[in-house]
Amino acid sequence: MFRILPRARVFTRSFSKAAFHRSHHSATARLVTMGPQGTPITRQIDVWLGDPGSAYVMFYPKFSQAFQEERTSQGDGSTPQDPELLPLEFHHDTQHFAHKSSPYPRLEIPQDLVGRSDTQGNSPATLHLWGVTHAITLDGTSDCSWIPAQPPGVIPGAAAGIGRA
């Protein structure tokens, strides 16, 4: 009788590929929205910020809902080709993100972000609306290209059955 012995597995995956690592730390930010009576409502939320010199902030998707609701009521000019991207603006003097046309909602962060060569005034930013965490990056920086783009025609969560009846 032959006895079957387990064979040693040979790993075929190459370990020579470069691994990208971004260091970040947790912080508390303030999300300021407009209440039903027209008064500002402030909530403390957890965010993840890059080290000084970075140009991104990440947070849980439920907090980007305020920006999405404002987009539908204001009509910010985004096209159906990019429903997962929302244009914002970062104000370096007050360290907050907001729509270009409206001061609320706004996300106030505890540190300035490094924009392009001139970090005075305002910088264009993009809210990325996919993944386990949503992110805001400053446009034209290396961090903006670090956030992976969705392939055309891919609906986030569709493979997992999210949103199906």
Foldseek 3Di string as FASTA:
>chain_A
DDDDDDDDDDDPDDPPDDDDDFDWDKDWKWWWAADPVRDIDIDIFIWIDGDAAFFKIKGALVSCVFVVVVCVVVVLPDDPQCPQKDKWKAAQVQQWIGHPVDPPRIIHDDHGYDEPPDRHGMFIWIWGNADRIIMIGTPPDPVVPVPDDDPGPDDHCVVVVPPPD
